[in-house]
Amino acid sequence: MQNEKIFKKKRIGWGYTLNLRTKGGWFVLLGMLIVVAAFLFFTFWSIPNEMDFEINGTQATILSPSFTVRSFTFDTSDIISIYMREDMPSTSRRFGLGSRRLLAGRFDIEGYDRGHVYIHRNAPPFIAIQLPDGWVFVNGGSREATEGIFAQLVGE
């Protein structure tokens, strides 16, 4: 048993198979299971959960929860109109993140053309901001957080 190979030729068909009659075979199997477990852990651990909103002077920044979607910054003096809505219009993702909890990125927004969306899906209200180059929809994840963002944007 000491000289047995970790991989043996298959009896039927082509190729090789892992020989679990050896300690080396068990170590290879354990290593593969650790790699798969680590991949799954880091995949689900890195799923974004939160977005953040900051105002520094006249610059408003929506910090994206995803590495693939850039944060979005605009000047508050560029706001043409701003209001809160209880419902979110239908969207179609062009680029960005669309999970069960979050939308972040560039979207086609029904009735608003194309725009930036950074929202927690099931957390109304939603702030609609009209800028010279399009619309931005954002919310804070709770009614209180969204109302706080709105108050900052309108200067209350």
N, C-alpha and C. Protein backbone atom coordinates (compact mmCIF):
# COMPACT_ATOMS: atom_id res chain seq x y z
N MET A 1 0.82 -1.19 0.00
CA MET A 1 0.00 0.00 0.00
C MET A 1 0.87 1.26 0.00
N GLN A 2 2.10 1.18 0.43
CA GLN A 2 2.99 2.33 0.48
C GLN A 2 3.33 2.85 -0.91
N ASN A 3 3.45 1.99 -1.90
CA ASN A 3 3.90 2.40 -3.22
C ASN A 3 2.75 2.67 -4.19
N GLU A 4 1.52 2.66 -3.69
CA GLU A 4 0.40 2.88 -4.60
C GLU A 4 0.35 4.34 -5.04
N LYS A 5 -0.13 4.56 -6.24
CA LYS A 5 -0.19 5.90 -6.82
C LYS A 5 -1.46 6.62 -6.37
N ILE A 6 -1.36 7.97 -6.30
CA ILE A 6 -2.51 8.79 -5.91
C ILE A 6 -3.56 8.78 -7.02
N PHE A 7 -3.11 8.81 -8.26
CA PHE A 7 -4.02 8.74 -9.40
C PHE A 7 -3.76 7.43 -10.13
N LYS A 8 -4.86 6.71 -10.45
CA LYS A 8 -4.73 5.44 -11.17
C LYS A 8 -5.53 5.52 -12.46
N LYS A 9 -5.07 4.73 -13.43
CA LYS A 9 -5.81 4.65 -14.69
C LYS A 9 -7.17 4.04 -14.43
N LYS A 10 -8.18 4.59 -15.12
CA LYS A 10 -9.51 4.02 -14.98
C LYS A 10 -9.55 2.63 -15.58
N ARG A 11 -10.35 1.76 -14.98
CA ARG A 11 -10.51 0.40 -15.53
C ARG A 11 -11.31 0.43 -16.81
N ILE A 12 -12.32 1.32 -16.83
CA ILE A 12 -13.19 1.43 -18.01
C ILE A 12 -13.10 2.86 -18.51
N GLY A 13 -12.88 3.04 -19.75
CA GLY A 13 -12.80 4.39 -20.33
C GLY A 13 -11.40 4.94 -20.27
N TRP A 14 -11.29 6.21 -20.62
CA TRP A 14 -10.00 6.87 -20.66
C TRP A 14 -9.81 7.74 -19.43
N GLY A 15 -8.58 8.04 -19.11
CA GLY A 15 -8.27 8.99 -18.05
C GLY A 15 -7.86 8.33 -16.75
N TYR A 16 -7.78 9.16 -15.75
CA TYR A 16 -7.33 8.74 -14.43
C TYR A 16 -8.39 9.07 -13.40
N THR A 17 -8.30 8.42 -12.26
CA THR A 17 -9.22 8.65 -11.15
C THR A 17 -8.41 8.77 -9.86
N LEU A 18 -8.99 9.41 -8.88
CA LEU A 18 -8.33 9.60 -7.59
C LEU A 18 -8.38 8.29 -6.80
N ASN A 19 -7.25 7.86 -6.30
CA ASN A 19 -7.17 6.62 -5.55
C ASN A 19 -7.33 6.93 -4.06
N LEU A 20 -8.50 6.64 -3.51
CA LEU A 20 -8.77 6.94 -2.11
C LEU A 20 -8.27 5.83 -1.18
N ARG A 21 -7.54 4.85 -1.70
CA ARG A 21 -6.91 3.83 -0.86
C ARG A 21 -5.56 4.31 -0.33
N THR A 22 -5.17 5.53 -0.73
CA THR A 22 -3.90 6.07 -0.26
C THR A 22 -4.13 7.33 0.56
N LYS A 23 -3.18 7.64 1.46
CA LYS A 23 -3.27 8.87 2.25
C LYS A 23 -3.19 10.08 1.32
N GLY A 24 -2.33 10.01 0.31
CA GLY A 24 -2.20 11.10 -0.65
C GLY A 24 -3.50 11.40 -1.36
N GLY A 25 -4.25 10.37 -1.71
CA GLY A 25 -5.56 10.54 -2.36
C GLY A 25 -6.53 11.29 -1.46
N TRP A 26 -6.51 10.94 -0.16
CA TRP A 26 -7.38 11.63 0.79
C TRP A 26 -6.96 13.09 0.98
N PHE A 27 -5.66 13.36 0.98
CA PHE A 27 -5.17 14.74 1.09
C PHE A 27 -5.58 15.56 -0.13
N VAL A 28 -5.50 14.97 -1.32
CA VAL A 28 -5.92 15.67 -2.53
C VAL A 28 -7.42 15.98 -2.46
N LEU A 29 -8.23 15.01 -2.05
CA LEU A 29 -9.66 15.21 -1.92
C LEU A 29 -9.96 16.30 -0.90
N LEU A 30 -9.30 16.26 0.25
CA LEU A 30 -9.51 17.27 1.29
C LEU A 30 -9.12 18.65 0.77
N GLY A 31 -8.00 18.73 0.06
CA GLY A 31 -7.58 20.00 -0.53
C GLY A 31 -8.60 20.56 -1.49
N MET A 32 -9.16 19.71 -2.35
CA MET A 32 -10.18 20.17 -3.29
C MET A 32 -11.43 20.66 -2.56
N LEU A 33 -11.83 19.95 -1.51
CA LEU A 33 -13.00 20.38 -0.73
C LEU A 33 -12.75 21.72 -0.04
N ILE A 34 -11.53 21.94 0.46
CA ILE A 34 -11.20 23.21 1.10
C ILE A 34 -11.24 24.35 0.08
N VAL A 35 -10.73 24.11 -1.11
CA VAL A 35 -10.75 25.15 -2.16
C VAL A 35 -12.19 25.50 -2.53
N VAL A 36 -13.05 24.50 -2.69
CA VAL A 36 -14.46 24.74 -3.04
C VAL A 36 -15.16 25.49 -1.90
N ALA A 37 -14.94 25.06 -0.65
CA ALA A 37 -15.56 25.73 0.49
C ALA A 37 -15.10 27.19 0.60
N ALA A 38 -13.81 27.44 0.38
CA ALA A 38 -13.29 28.81 0.44
C ALA A 38 -13.91 29.66 -0.68
N PHE A 39 -14.03 29.09 -1.87
CA PHE A 39 -14.64 29.82 -2.98
C PHE A 39 -16.08 30.21 -2.64
N LEU A 40 -16.86 29.25 -2.13
CA LEU A 40 -18.25 29.54 -1.77
C LEU A 40 -18.34 30.57 -0.65
N PHE A 41 -17.49 30.44 0.35
CA PHE A 41 -17.50 31.37 1.47
C PHE A 41 -17.22 32.79 0.99
N PHE A 42 -16.16 32.98 0.22
CA PHE A 42 -15.80 34.32 -0.22
C PHE A 42 -16.78 34.88 -1.26
N THR A 43 -17.40 34.00 -2.02
CA THR A 43 -18.41 34.46 -2.97
C THR A 43 -19.61 35.03 -2.23
N PHE A 44 -20.13 34.31 -1.26
CA PHE A 44 -21.32 34.78 -0.55
C PHE A 44 -20.99 35.83 0.49
N TRP A 45 -19.78 35.82 1.02
CA TRP A 45 -19.38 36.81 2.01
C TRP A 45 -19.23 38.17 1.36
N SER A 46 -18.84 38.20 0.09
CA SER A 46 -18.58 39.47 -0.58
C SER A 46 -19.81 40.05 -1.26
N ILE A 47 -20.98 39.42 -1.12
CA ILE A 47 -22.19 39.99 -1.70
C ILE A 47 -22.48 41.30 -0.97
N PRO A 48 -22.61 42.40 -1.70
CA PRO A 48 -22.81 43.68 -1.06
C PRO A 48 -24.14 43.79 -0.36
N ASN A 49 -24.16 44.50 0.74
CA ASN A 49 -25.38 44.65 1.51
C ASN A 49 -25.82 46.09 1.70
N GLU A 50 -24.89 47.01 1.69
CA GLU A 50 -25.25 48.38 2.04
C GLU A 50 -24.67 49.38 1.05
N MET A 51 -25.36 50.50 0.95
CA MET A 51 -24.87 51.66 0.22
C MET A 51 -24.76 52.78 1.24
N ASP A 52 -23.95 53.76 0.95
CA ASP A 52 -23.79 54.88 1.86
C ASP A 52 -23.92 56.17 1.08
N PHE A 53 -24.35 57.21 1.76
CA PHE A 53 -24.56 58.51 1.13
C PHE A 53 -23.82 59.54 1.94
N GLU A 54 -23.01 60.38 1.26
CA GLU A 54 -22.24 61.41 1.96
C GLU A 54 -22.43 62.74 1.25
N ILE A 55 -22.49 63.82 2.04
CA ILE A 55 -22.48 65.16 1.48
C ILE A 55 -21.30 65.89 2.10
N ASN A 56 -20.42 66.39 1.23
CA ASN A 56 -19.24 67.14 1.67
C ASN A 56 -19.28 68.48 0.94
N GLY A 57 -19.71 69.51 1.64
CA GLY A 57 -19.90 70.81 0.99
C GLY A 57 -21.06 70.73 0.03
N THR A 58 -20.79 70.97 -1.25
CA THR A 58 -21.86 70.87 -2.25
C THR A 58 -21.77 69.57 -3.04
N GLN A 59 -20.82 68.70 -2.70
CA GLN A 59 -20.66 67.42 -3.39
C GLN A 59 -21.41 66.32 -2.65
N ALA A 60 -22.33 65.68 -3.35
CA ALA A 60 -23.06 64.53 -2.81
C ALA A 60 -22.48 63.28 -3.47
N THR A 61 -22.17 62.27 -2.66
CA THR A 61 -21.60 61.03 -3.17
C THR A 61 -22.41 59.85 -2.69
N ILE A 62 -22.80 59.01 -3.62
CA ILE A 62 -23.46 57.75 -3.28
C ILE A 62 -22.39 56.68 -3.41
N LEU A 63 -22.02 56.07 -2.30
CA LEU A 63 -20.97 55.06 -2.30
C LEU A 63 -21.57 53.72 -2.67
N SER A 64 -21.06 53.14 -3.72
CA SER A 64 -21.58 51.88 -4.24
C SER A 64 -21.18 50.71 -3.35
N PRO A 65 -22.05 49.72 -3.23
CA PRO A 65 -21.73 48.54 -2.44
C PRO A 65 -20.96 47.49 -3.22
N SER A 66 -20.73 47.72 -4.48
CA SER A 66 -20.14 46.70 -5.35
C SER A 66 -18.84 47.18 -5.95
N PHE A 67 -17.91 46.26 -6.17
CA PHE A 67 -16.66 46.61 -6.81
C PHE A 67 -16.85 46.89 -8.29
N THR A 68 -17.90 46.35 -8.88
CA THR A 68 -18.11 46.52 -10.31
C THR A 68 -18.82 47.82 -10.65
N VAL A 69 -19.52 48.41 -9.69
CA VAL A 69 -20.27 49.63 -9.93
C VAL A 69 -19.56 50.78 -9.22
N ARG A 70 -19.21 51.80 -9.99
CA ARG A 70 -18.52 52.95 -9.39
C ARG A 70 -19.49 53.77 -8.56
N SER A 71 -18.93 54.44 -7.57
CA SER A 71 -19.72 55.39 -6.79
C SER A 71 -20.11 56.54 -7.70
N PHE A 72 -21.16 57.25 -7.32
CA PHE A 72 -21.68 58.34 -8.14
C PHE A 72 -21.63 59.63 -7.35
N THR A 73 -21.07 60.67 -7.96
CA THR A 73 -20.96 61.98 -7.30
C THR A 73 -21.63 63.04 -8.17
N PHE A 74 -22.35 63.94 -7.51
CA PHE A 74 -22.94 65.07 -8.23
C PHE A 74 -22.91 66.30 -7.32
N ASP A 75 -23.03 67.46 -7.94
CA ASP A 75 -23.03 68.72 -7.22
C ASP A 75 -24.47 69.05 -6.85
N THR A 76 -24.72 69.35 -5.59
CA THR A 76 -26.09 69.62 -5.15
C THR A 76 -26.66 70.88 -5.79
N SER A 77 -25.80 71.79 -6.25
CA SER A 77 -26.29 73.00 -6.93
C SER A 77 -26.82 72.68 -8.33
N ASP A 78 -26.53 71.49 -8.85
CA ASP A 78 -27.02 71.07 -10.16
C ASP A 78 -28.42 70.47 -10.11
N ILE A 79 -28.98 70.30 -8.93
CA ILE A 79 -30.30 69.66 -8.81
C ILE A 79 -31.36 70.58 -9.42
N ILE A 80 -32.08 70.03 -10.41
CA ILE A 80 -33.16 70.76 -11.07
C ILE A 80 -34.45 70.58 -10.27
N SER A 81 -34.74 69.34 -9.91
CA SER A 81 -35.90 69.06 -9.06
C SER A 81 -35.60 67.84 -8.20
N ILE A 82 -36.28 67.78 -7.08
CA ILE A 82 -36.09 66.67 -6.15
C ILE A 82 -37.40 66.43 -5.42
N TYR A 83 -37.79 65.17 -5.31
CA TYR A 83 -38.99 64.82 -4.56
C TYR A 83 -38.91 63.37 -4.11
N MET A 84 -39.79 63.01 -3.18
CA MET A 84 -39.84 61.62 -2.69
C MET A 84 -41.06 60.93 -3.27
N ARG A 85 -40.88 59.64 -3.57
CA ARG A 85 -41.95 58.79 -4.08
C ARG A 85 -42.09 57.58 -3.17
N GLU A 86 -43.28 57.09 -3.04
CA GLU A 86 -43.52 55.89 -2.23
C GLU A 86 -43.27 54.61 -3.02
N ASP A 87 -43.35 54.72 -4.35
CA ASP A 87 -43.12 53.52 -5.18
C ASP A 87 -41.96 53.80 -6.13
N MET A 88 -41.30 52.74 -6.52
CA MET A 88 -40.18 52.85 -7.45
C MET A 88 -40.68 52.45 -8.84
N PRO A 89 -40.42 53.29 -9.86
CA PRO A 89 -40.84 52.89 -11.21
C PRO A 89 -40.11 51.63 -11.66
N SER A 90 -40.65 50.97 -12.65
CA SER A 90 -40.01 49.77 -13.20
C SER A 90 -38.66 50.15 -13.78
N THR A 91 -37.68 49.24 -13.60
CA THR A 91 -36.34 49.50 -14.10
C THR A 91 -35.85 48.33 -14.93
N SER A 92 -34.91 48.64 -15.80
CA SER A 92 -34.23 47.62 -16.60
C SER A 92 -32.74 47.93 -16.53
N ARG A 93 -31.97 46.99 -16.03
CA ARG A 93 -30.54 47.23 -15.79
C ARG A 93 -29.77 47.32 -17.10
N ARG A 94 -28.96 48.36 -17.21
CA ARG A 94 -28.04 48.50 -18.34
C ARG A 94 -26.64 48.09 -17.89
N PHE A 95 -26.24 48.53 -16.72
CA PHE A 95 -24.95 48.16 -16.14
C PHE A 95 -25.05 48.31 -14.64
N GLY A 96 -24.64 47.30 -13.91
CA GLY A 96 -24.63 47.44 -12.47
C GLY A 96 -25.08 46.19 -11.75
N LEU A 97 -25.48 46.42 -10.52
CA LEU A 97 -25.85 45.36 -9.60
C LEU A 97 -27.36 45.31 -9.47
N GLY A 98 -27.91 44.12 -9.58
CA GLY A 98 -29.33 43.93 -9.37
C GLY A 98 -29.54 42.68 -8.54
N SER A 99 -29.62 42.84 -7.22
CA SER A 99 -29.84 41.69 -6.35
C SER A 99 -31.26 41.77 -5.78
N ARG A 100 -31.61 40.82 -4.95
CA ARG A 100 -32.95 40.84 -4.35
C ARG A 100 -33.11 42.04 -3.42
N ARG A 101 -32.00 42.52 -2.85
CA ARG A 101 -32.09 43.62 -1.89
C ARG A 101 -31.70 44.98 -2.44
N LEU A 102 -30.79 45.00 -3.43
CA LEU A 102 -30.22 46.27 -3.89
C LEU A 102 -30.27 46.42 -5.40
N LEU A 103 -30.36 47.66 -5.84
CA LEU A 103 -30.12 48.03 -7.23
C LEU A 103 -29.08 49.13 -7.20
N ALA A 104 -28.03 48.99 -8.02
CA ALA A 104 -26.98 50.01 -8.07
C ALA A 104 -26.39 50.04 -9.47
N GLY A 105 -26.37 51.23 -10.07
CA GLY A 105 -25.77 51.37 -11.38
C GLY A 105 -26.62 52.17 -12.34
N ARG A 106 -26.43 51.91 -13.63
CA ARG A 106 -27.17 52.59 -14.69
C ARG A 106 -28.36 51.73 -15.10
N PHE A 107 -29.54 52.35 -15.14
CA PHE A 107 -30.78 51.64 -15.45
C PHE A 107 -31.63 52.46 -16.39
N ASP A 108 -32.45 51.78 -17.18
CA ASP A 108 -33.55 52.44 -17.86
C ASP A 108 -34.69 52.49 -16.86
N ILE A 109 -35.24 53.67 -16.64
CA ILE A 109 -36.27 53.86 -15.62
C ILE A 109 -37.55 54.28 -16.33
N GLU A 110 -38.60 53.48 -16.15
CA GLU A 110 -39.86 53.74 -16.84
C GLU A 110 -40.37 55.14 -16.50
N GLY A 111 -40.58 55.95 -17.55
CA GLY A 111 -41.09 57.30 -17.39
C GLY A 111 -40.01 58.34 -17.11
N TYR A 112 -38.75 57.91 -16.97
CA TYR A 112 -37.67 58.84 -16.66
C TYR A 112 -36.47 58.69 -17.61
N ASP A 113 -36.56 57.86 -18.59
CA ASP A 113 -35.45 57.58 -19.50
C ASP A 113 -34.35 56.84 -18.74
N ARG A 114 -33.11 57.14 -19.02
CA ARG A 114 -31.97 56.46 -18.42
C ARG A 114 -31.50 57.23 -17.19
N GLY A 115 -31.00 56.51 -16.19
CA GLY A 115 -30.51 57.22 -15.01
C GLY A 115 -29.71 56.31 -14.09
N HIS A 116 -29.28 56.88 -13.00
CA HIS A 116 -28.54 56.16 -11.97
C HIS A 116 -29.51 55.74 -10.88
N VAL A 117 -29.39 54.50 -10.44
CA VAL A 117 -30.25 53.98 -9.38
C VAL A 117 -29.37 53.38 -8.30
N TYR A 118 -29.58 53.83 -7.06
CA TYR A 118 -28.86 53.29 -5.90
C TYR A 118 -29.89 53.14 -4.79
N ILE A 119 -30.61 52.02 -4.80
CA ILE A 119 -31.71 51.86 -3.85
C ILE A 119 -31.68 50.49 -3.16
N HIS A 120 -32.28 50.48 -1.98
CA HIS A 120 -32.65 49.25 -1.30
C HIS A 120 -34.06 48.96 -1.81
N ARG A 121 -34.26 47.83 -2.43
CA ARG A 121 -35.50 47.55 -3.16
C ARG A 121 -36.78 47.72 -2.35
N ASN A 122 -36.86 47.09 -1.21
CA ASN A 122 -38.13 47.05 -0.48
C ASN A 122 -38.10 47.99 0.72
N ALA A 123 -37.61 49.21 0.50
CA ALA A 123 -37.50 50.16 1.60
C ALA A 123 -37.93 51.55 1.14
N PRO A 124 -39.23 51.74 0.85
CA PRO A 124 -39.68 53.07 0.45
C PRO A 124 -39.53 54.04 1.62
N PRO A 125 -39.50 55.32 1.37
CA PRO A 125 -39.66 56.01 0.10
C PRO A 125 -38.37 56.06 -0.70
N PHE A 126 -38.50 56.57 -1.93
CA PHE A 126 -37.36 56.70 -2.84
C PHE A 126 -37.23 58.17 -3.22
N ILE A 127 -36.01 58.67 -3.28
CA ILE A 127 -35.77 60.06 -3.66
C ILE A 127 -35.47 60.10 -5.15
N ALA A 128 -36.22 60.92 -5.88
CA ALA A 128 -36.00 61.14 -7.31
C ALA A 128 -35.31 62.49 -7.46
N ILE A 129 -34.14 62.49 -8.07
CA ILE A 129 -33.35 63.71 -8.23
C ILE A 129 -33.13 63.93 -9.72
N GLN A 130 -33.57 65.08 -10.22
CA GLN A 130 -33.33 65.41 -11.62
C GLN A 130 -32.09 66.29 -11.72
N LEU A 131 -31.14 65.82 -12.51
CA LEU A 131 -29.90 66.54 -12.77
C LEU A 131 -29.86 66.92 -14.25
N PRO A 132 -28.98 67.82 -14.67
CA PRO A 132 -28.94 68.19 -16.09
C PRO A 132 -28.70 67.01 -17.03
N ASP A 133 -27.98 65.99 -16.57
CA ASP A 133 -27.69 64.85 -17.46
C ASP A 133 -28.55 63.62 -17.17
N GLY A 134 -29.63 63.76 -16.41
CA GLY A 134 -30.54 62.62 -16.17
C GLY A 134 -31.02 62.55 -14.74
N TRP A 135 -31.61 61.42 -14.43
CA TRP A 135 -32.22 61.21 -13.12
C TRP A 135 -31.37 60.32 -12.25
N VAL A 136 -31.52 60.51 -10.94
CA VAL A 136 -30.87 59.66 -9.94
C VAL A 136 -31.95 59.26 -8.94
N PHE A 137 -32.02 57.97 -8.64
CA PHE A 137 -32.92 57.48 -7.60
C PHE A 137 -32.07 56.90 -6.49
N VAL A 138 -32.38 57.27 -5.26
CA VAL A 138 -31.59 56.82 -4.11
C VAL A 138 -32.53 56.70 -2.91
N ASN A 139 -32.18 55.84 -1.99
CA ASN A 139 -32.85 55.80 -0.69
C ASN A 139 -31.85 55.31 0.35
N GLY A 140 -32.26 55.36 1.59
CA GLY A 140 -31.33 55.05 2.67
C GLY A 140 -31.52 53.70 3.33
N GLY A 141 -32.43 52.90 2.86
CA GLY A 141 -32.62 51.58 3.46
C GLY A 141 -33.72 51.55 4.50
N SER A 142 -34.09 52.72 5.04
CA SER A 142 -35.21 52.84 5.97
C SER A 142 -35.86 54.20 5.73
N ARG A 143 -37.08 54.36 6.20
CA ARG A 143 -37.78 55.64 6.01
C ARG A 143 -37.01 56.78 6.67
N GLU A 144 -36.51 56.55 7.88
CA GLU A 144 -35.78 57.59 8.61
C GLU A 144 -34.50 57.99 7.88
N ALA A 145 -33.76 56.99 7.40
CA ALA A 145 -32.51 57.28 6.68
C ALA A 145 -32.79 58.04 5.39
N THR A 146 -33.82 57.65 4.66
CA THR A 146 -34.17 58.33 3.41
C THR A 146 -34.61 59.76 3.69
N GLU A 147 -35.41 59.98 4.72
CA GLU A 147 -35.83 61.33 5.07
C GLU A 147 -34.64 62.19 5.47
N GLY A 148 -33.65 61.59 6.13
CA GLY A 148 -32.43 62.31 6.50
C GLY A 148 -31.63 62.73 5.27
N ILE A 149 -31.51 61.84 4.29
CA ILE A 149 -30.81 62.16 3.04
C ILE A 149 -31.55 63.28 2.32
N PHE A 150 -32.87 63.18 2.27
CA PHE A 150 -33.68 64.20 1.59
C PHE A 150 -33.48 65.55 2.26
N ALA A 151 -33.49 65.59 3.59
CA ALA A 151 -33.31 66.85 4.31
C ALA A 151 -31.93 67.46 4.01
N GLN A 152 -30.90 66.62 3.94
CA GLN A 152 -29.56 67.12 3.59
C GLN A 152 -29.54 67.70 2.19
N LEU A 153 -30.20 67.04 1.26
CA LEU A 153 -30.16 67.49 -0.13
C LEU A 153 -30.92 68.80 -0.37
N VAL A 154 -32.04 68.97 0.33
CA VAL A 154 -32.81 70.20 0.14
C VAL A 154 -32.33 71.30 1.07
N GLY A 155 -31.38 70.99 1.96
CA GLY A 155 -30.77 72.01 2.82
C GLY A 155 -31.58 72.37 4.04
N GLU A 156 -32.35 71.43 4.55
CA GLU A 156 -33.14 71.72 5.77
C GLU A 156 -32.29 71.56 7.01
